[in-house]
N, C-alpha and C. Protein backbone atom coordinates (compact mmCIF):
# COMPACT_ATOMS: atom_id res chain seq x y z
N MET A 1 -89.52 -54.05 -160.69
CA MET A 1 -88.19 -53.79 -161.34
C MET A 1 -87.06 -53.34 -160.51
N ARG A 2 -86.05 -53.99 -160.61
CA ARG A 2 -84.89 -53.50 -159.40
C ARG A 2 -84.26 -52.17 -160.23
N LYS A 3 -83.78 -51.33 -159.42
CA LYS A 3 -83.15 -50.09 -159.53
C LYS A 3 -81.82 -50.28 -159.92
N PRO A 4 -81.06 -49.58 -160.93
CA PRO A 4 -79.80 -49.78 -161.25
C PRO A 4 -78.80 -49.50 -160.12
N ARG A 5 -77.72 -50.29 -159.83
CA ARG A 5 -76.79 -50.09 -159.03
C ARG A 5 -75.90 -48.85 -159.37
N ARG A 6 -75.60 -48.23 -158.45
CA ARG A 6 -74.43 -46.99 -158.61
C ARG A 6 -72.99 -47.61 -158.66
N ALA A 7 -71.82 -47.32 -159.05
CA ALA A 7 -70.91 -47.78 -159.53
C ALA A 7 -70.27 -47.62 -158.07
N ASN A 8 -69.36 -48.92 -157.69
CA ASN A 8 -68.65 -48.97 -156.58
C ASN A 8 -69.61 -49.21 -155.22
N VAL A 9 -70.75 -49.45 -155.43
CA VAL A 9 -71.79 -49.85 -154.16
C VAL A 9 -71.93 -51.31 -154.53
N PRO A 10 -71.31 -52.18 -153.57
CA PRO A 10 -71.79 -53.57 -153.50
C PRO A 10 -73.23 -53.83 -153.69
N ASP A 11 -73.54 -54.88 -154.57
CA ASP A 11 -74.87 -55.43 -154.40
C ASP A 11 -75.29 -56.19 -153.02
N PRO A 12 -76.13 -55.56 -152.37
CA PRO A 12 -76.41 -56.38 -150.80
C PRO A 12 -76.73 -57.66 -151.30
N ASP A 13 -77.37 -58.21 -151.95
CA ASP A 13 -77.92 -59.76 -152.24
C ASP A 13 -76.50 -60.44 -152.55
N ALA A 14 -75.63 -60.02 -153.07
CA ALA A 14 -74.52 -60.62 -153.66
C ALA A 14 -73.44 -60.71 -152.45
N VAL A 15 -73.33 -59.40 -151.53
CA VAL A 15 -72.67 -59.57 -150.40
C VAL A 15 -73.03 -60.49 -149.31
N ALA A 16 -74.40 -60.74 -149.12
CA ALA A 16 -75.08 -61.60 -148.36
C ALA A 16 -74.55 -62.90 -148.88
N SER A 17 -74.71 -63.06 -150.00
CA SER A 17 -74.61 -64.72 -150.35
C SER A 17 -73.15 -65.02 -150.49
N GLY A 18 -72.00 -63.77 -150.36
CA GLY A 18 -70.72 -64.13 -150.59
C GLY A 18 -70.24 -64.56 -151.85
N ALA A 19 -71.07 -64.29 -152.92
CA ALA A 19 -70.97 -64.34 -154.27
C ALA A 19 -69.87 -63.48 -154.86
N ASP A 20 -69.74 -62.19 -154.13
CA ASP A 20 -68.61 -61.34 -154.83
C ASP A 20 -67.46 -61.20 -153.81
N ARG A 21 -67.34 -62.09 -153.02
CA ARG A 21 -65.93 -62.40 -152.17
C ARG A 21 -64.75 -62.51 -152.76
N ILE A 22 -63.83 -61.74 -152.76
CA ILE A 22 -62.39 -62.11 -153.41
C ILE A 22 -61.64 -62.02 -152.28
N VAL A 23 -60.55 -62.85 -152.38
CA VAL A 23 -59.65 -63.10 -151.12
C VAL A 23 -58.52 -62.01 -151.56
N ASP A 24 -58.06 -61.45 -150.69
CA ASP A 24 -57.20 -60.38 -151.12
C ASP A 24 -56.14 -61.05 -150.11
N ASP A 25 -54.94 -61.62 -150.55
CA ASP A 25 -53.95 -62.10 -149.86
C ASP A 25 -52.99 -60.68 -149.27
N ASP A 26 -52.96 -59.63 -149.99
CA ASP A 26 -52.23 -58.59 -149.92
C ASP A 26 -52.88 -57.89 -148.49
N GLY A 27 -54.12 -57.76 -148.73
CA GLY A 27 -55.06 -57.19 -147.55
C GLY A 27 -54.82 -58.13 -146.15
N ALA A 28 -54.99 -59.37 -146.54
CA ALA A 28 -54.61 -60.23 -145.24
C ALA A 28 -53.36 -59.92 -144.53
N ILE A 29 -52.22 -60.00 -145.36
CA ILE A 29 -51.02 -59.71 -144.76
C ILE A 29 -50.79 -58.28 -144.13
N ALA A 30 -51.42 -57.16 -144.75
CA ALA A 30 -51.07 -56.05 -144.32
C ALA A 30 -52.10 -55.95 -142.89
N PHE A 31 -52.86 -56.80 -143.05
CA PHE A 31 -53.80 -56.66 -141.80
C PHE A 31 -53.33 -57.38 -140.65
N ALA A 32 -52.74 -58.43 -140.86
CA ALA A 32 -51.78 -59.09 -139.90
C ALA A 32 -50.43 -58.38 -139.53
N GLU A 33 -49.82 -57.87 -140.33
CA GLU A 33 -48.67 -56.88 -139.88
C GLU A 33 -48.87 -55.82 -139.20
N GLY A 34 -50.24 -55.19 -139.49
CA GLY A 34 -50.66 -54.17 -138.83
C GLY A 34 -51.12 -54.69 -137.39
N SER A 35 -51.53 -55.60 -137.38
CA SER A 35 -52.13 -56.45 -135.75
C SER A 35 -50.78 -56.47 -134.92
N VAL A 36 -49.63 -56.92 -135.46
CA VAL A 36 -48.62 -57.33 -134.86
C VAL A 36 -47.96 -56.07 -134.29
N THR A 37 -47.68 -55.06 -134.95
CA THR A 37 -47.46 -53.76 -134.71
C THR A 37 -48.11 -53.17 -133.67
N MET A 38 -49.56 -53.18 -133.90
CA MET A 38 -50.46 -52.67 -132.85
C MET A 38 -50.26 -53.58 -131.43
N TRP A 39 -49.74 -54.59 -131.73
CA TRP A 39 -49.76 -55.48 -130.18
C TRP A 39 -48.21 -54.91 -129.80
N ALA A 40 -47.22 -54.80 -130.47
CA ALA A 40 -45.93 -54.40 -130.27
C ALA A 40 -46.01 -53.11 -129.29
N ASN A 41 -46.65 -52.30 -130.22
CA ASN A 41 -46.97 -50.94 -129.67
C ASN A 41 -47.39 -50.93 -128.28
N MET A 42 -48.62 -51.50 -128.00
CA MET A 42 -49.31 -51.87 -126.80
C MET A 42 -48.46 -52.39 -125.79
N LEU A 43 -47.46 -53.32 -126.19
CA LEU A 43 -46.91 -54.07 -125.29
C LEU A 43 -45.54 -53.01 -124.57
N THR A 44 -44.97 -52.39 -125.78
CA THR A 44 -44.16 -51.07 -125.15
C THR A 44 -44.82 -49.87 -124.37
N LEU A 45 -45.98 -49.62 -124.41
CA LEU A 45 -46.92 -48.84 -123.34
C LEU A 45 -46.96 -49.50 -121.92
N ILE A 46 -47.22 -50.97 -122.17
CA ILE A 46 -47.27 -51.73 -120.80
C ILE A 46 -46.09 -51.59 -120.04
N ALA A 47 -45.05 -52.06 -120.89
CA ALA A 47 -43.88 -52.35 -120.21
C ALA A 47 -43.34 -51.13 -119.69
N THR A 48 -43.28 -49.98 -120.50
CA THR A 48 -43.08 -48.73 -119.91
C THR A 48 -43.80 -48.22 -118.47
N HIS A 49 -45.22 -48.74 -118.67
CA HIS A 49 -45.83 -48.19 -117.54
C HIS A 49 -45.71 -49.12 -116.17
N LEU A 50 -45.11 -50.47 -116.64
CA LEU A 50 -44.90 -51.08 -115.22
C LEU A 50 -43.41 -50.66 -115.01
N ARG A 51 -42.59 -50.44 -115.82
CA ARG A 51 -41.08 -49.68 -115.14
C ARG A 51 -41.57 -48.29 -114.33
N GLU A 52 -42.38 -47.54 -114.97
CA GLU A 52 -42.77 -46.23 -114.54
C GLU A 52 -43.37 -46.42 -112.81
N HIS A 53 -43.95 -47.70 -112.69
CA HIS A 53 -44.54 -47.91 -111.40
C HIS A 53 -43.69 -48.68 -110.61
N GLY A 54 -42.59 -49.10 -110.92
CA GLY A 54 -41.84 -49.53 -109.61
C GLY A 54 -41.32 -51.10 -110.10
N VAL A 55 -41.77 -51.66 -111.06
CA VAL A 55 -41.69 -53.20 -111.37
C VAL A 55 -40.30 -53.12 -111.64
N PRO A 56 -39.42 -54.00 -111.07
CA PRO A 56 -38.21 -54.09 -111.46
C PRO A 56 -37.79 -54.71 -113.05
N ARG A 57 -36.66 -53.95 -113.59
CA ARG A 57 -36.65 -54.24 -114.88
C ARG A 57 -36.38 -55.73 -115.46
N ASP A 58 -35.45 -56.34 -114.47
CA ASP A 58 -35.44 -57.73 -114.97
C ASP A 58 -36.65 -58.74 -114.75
N GLU A 59 -37.49 -58.39 -113.99
CA GLU A 59 -39.10 -58.79 -113.76
C GLU A 59 -39.80 -58.42 -115.34
N VAL A 60 -39.82 -57.23 -115.77
CA VAL A 60 -40.27 -57.15 -117.03
C VAL A 60 -39.85 -57.75 -118.17
N LEU A 61 -38.55 -57.78 -118.14
CA LEU A 61 -37.71 -58.67 -119.13
C LEU A 61 -38.12 -60.02 -118.99
N ASP A 62 -38.21 -60.64 -117.84
CA ASP A 62 -38.68 -61.78 -117.70
C ASP A 62 -40.48 -62.32 -118.30
N MET A 63 -40.96 -61.07 -118.03
CA MET A 63 -42.51 -61.42 -118.57
C MET A 63 -42.41 -61.38 -120.32
N LEU A 64 -41.45 -60.63 -120.56
CA LEU A 64 -41.18 -60.41 -122.18
C LEU A 64 -40.69 -61.58 -122.84
N THR A 65 -39.70 -62.41 -122.01
CA THR A 65 -39.33 -63.62 -122.44
C THR A 65 -40.07 -64.64 -122.34
N MET A 66 -41.07 -64.61 -121.26
CA MET A 66 -42.20 -65.78 -121.30
C MET A 66 -43.18 -65.67 -122.43
N LEU A 67 -43.46 -64.18 -123.01
CA LEU A 67 -44.58 -64.07 -124.05
C LEU A 67 -43.70 -64.34 -125.13
N HIS A 68 -42.44 -64.26 -125.30
CA HIS A 68 -41.57 -64.68 -126.69
C HIS A 68 -41.88 -66.05 -126.92
N ASP A 69 -41.66 -66.89 -125.66
CA ASP A 69 -41.87 -68.22 -125.64
C ASP A 69 -43.29 -68.64 -125.94
N THR A 70 -44.33 -67.94 -125.46
CA THR A 70 -45.72 -68.23 -125.93
C THR A 70 -45.91 -68.15 -127.54
N ASN A 71 -45.42 -67.07 -127.84
CA ASN A 71 -45.64 -66.49 -129.26
C ASN A 71 -45.17 -67.79 -130.17
N GLU A 72 -43.90 -68.29 -129.77
CA GLU A 72 -42.96 -69.20 -130.45
C GLU A 72 -44.36 -70.35 -130.25
N ALA A 73 -44.60 -70.91 -129.56
CA ALA A 73 -45.31 -71.94 -129.46
C ALA A 73 -46.89 -72.11 -129.86
N THR A 74 -47.25 -70.95 -130.20
CA THR A 74 -48.70 -70.71 -130.46
C THR A 74 -48.95 -70.15 -132.05
N ILE A 75 -47.88 -69.17 -132.54
CA ILE A 75 -48.33 -68.33 -133.62
C ILE A 75 -47.92 -69.48 -134.64
N ARG A 76 -49.04 -69.72 -135.50
CA ARG A 76 -48.71 -70.94 -136.46
C ARG A 76 -48.03 -70.02 -137.70
N SER A 77 -48.29 -69.01 -138.34
CA SER A 77 -47.51 -68.44 -139.36
C SER A 77 -46.03 -68.37 -139.04
N LEU A 78 -45.32 -68.43 -139.79
CA LEU A 78 -43.69 -68.27 -139.75
C LEU A 78 -43.42 -66.87 -139.91
N ARG A 79 -44.27 -66.34 -140.84
CA ARG A 79 -44.07 -64.91 -141.01
C ARG A 79 -44.56 -63.86 -139.71
N ALA A 80 -45.70 -64.31 -139.40
CA ALA A 80 -45.95 -63.44 -138.30
C ALA A 80 -45.40 -63.60 -137.09
N ARG A 81 -45.10 -64.90 -136.50
CA ARG A 81 -44.14 -65.29 -135.51
C ARG A 81 -42.70 -64.41 -135.78
N ALA A 82 -42.00 -64.32 -137.14
CA ALA A 82 -40.83 -63.59 -137.03
C ALA A 82 -41.04 -62.39 -136.82
N SER A 83 -42.17 -61.53 -137.51
CA SER A 83 -42.55 -60.38 -137.11
C SER A 83 -42.98 -59.95 -135.58
N ALA A 84 -43.47 -60.82 -134.83
CA ALA A 84 -43.43 -60.45 -133.67
C ALA A 84 -42.26 -60.61 -132.79
N ALA A 85 -41.26 -61.77 -132.99
CA ALA A 85 -40.33 -61.90 -132.52
C ALA A 85 -39.35 -60.59 -132.73
N ARG A 86 -39.22 -60.20 -133.90
CA ARG A 86 -38.58 -58.83 -133.89
C ARG A 86 -39.31 -57.51 -133.29
N HIS A 87 -40.37 -57.26 -133.26
CA HIS A 87 -41.11 -56.37 -132.67
C HIS A 87 -40.77 -56.55 -131.05
N LEU A 88 -40.98 -57.72 -130.28
CA LEU A 88 -40.63 -58.06 -129.15
C LEU A 88 -39.03 -58.01 -128.53
N MET A 89 -38.64 -58.09 -129.94
CA MET A 89 -36.87 -58.09 -129.36
C MET A 89 -36.52 -56.33 -129.24
N ALA A 90 -37.29 -55.71 -130.02
CA ALA A 90 -37.02 -54.44 -129.84
C ALA A 90 -37.77 -53.57 -128.84
N VAL A 91 -38.44 -54.11 -128.36
CA VAL A 91 -39.04 -53.64 -126.86
C VAL A 91 -38.11 -54.10 -125.82
N TYR A 92 -37.75 -55.45 -125.93
CA TYR A 92 -36.86 -56.00 -124.92
C TYR A 92 -35.56 -55.02 -124.90
N THR A 93 -34.89 -55.10 -125.69
CA THR A 93 -33.64 -54.28 -126.18
C THR A 93 -33.82 -52.74 -125.48
N ALA A 94 -35.11 -51.90 -125.99
CA ALA A 94 -35.15 -50.76 -125.61
C ALA A 94 -35.29 -50.65 -123.93
N LEU A 95 -35.74 -51.72 -123.16
CA LEU A 95 -35.85 -51.83 -121.84
C LEU A 95 -34.77 -52.05 -121.21
N GLU A 96 -33.72 -53.05 -121.92
CA GLU A 96 -32.46 -53.52 -121.37
C GLU A 96 -31.52 -52.37 -121.41
N THR A 97 -31.78 -51.53 -122.21
CA THR A 97 -30.67 -50.28 -121.96
C THR A 97 -31.19 -49.13 -121.51
N SER A 98 -32.50 -49.44 -121.18
CA SER A 98 -32.94 -47.98 -120.14
C SER A 98 -32.67 -48.12 -118.78
């Protein structure tokens, strides 16, 4: 005889079979936006590090431009591409004025 399940604990058999899988679009969107934000924060740290170690500003800005062009060519989601472009532009602008 099976033990009764506790509330809010998924059934391991159902999870393994995927029977209780629910597609959460809001969760997927939040995950994607969080990923882009994390990527932008990392990019800011890398760009700042490069500048602090003597890489000329124009060279770092050229790298950011190449990254933008690559994103435009490879990111399929219009929303993710626009979000990445906004974050990248913020990094570019911050470096350009520094």
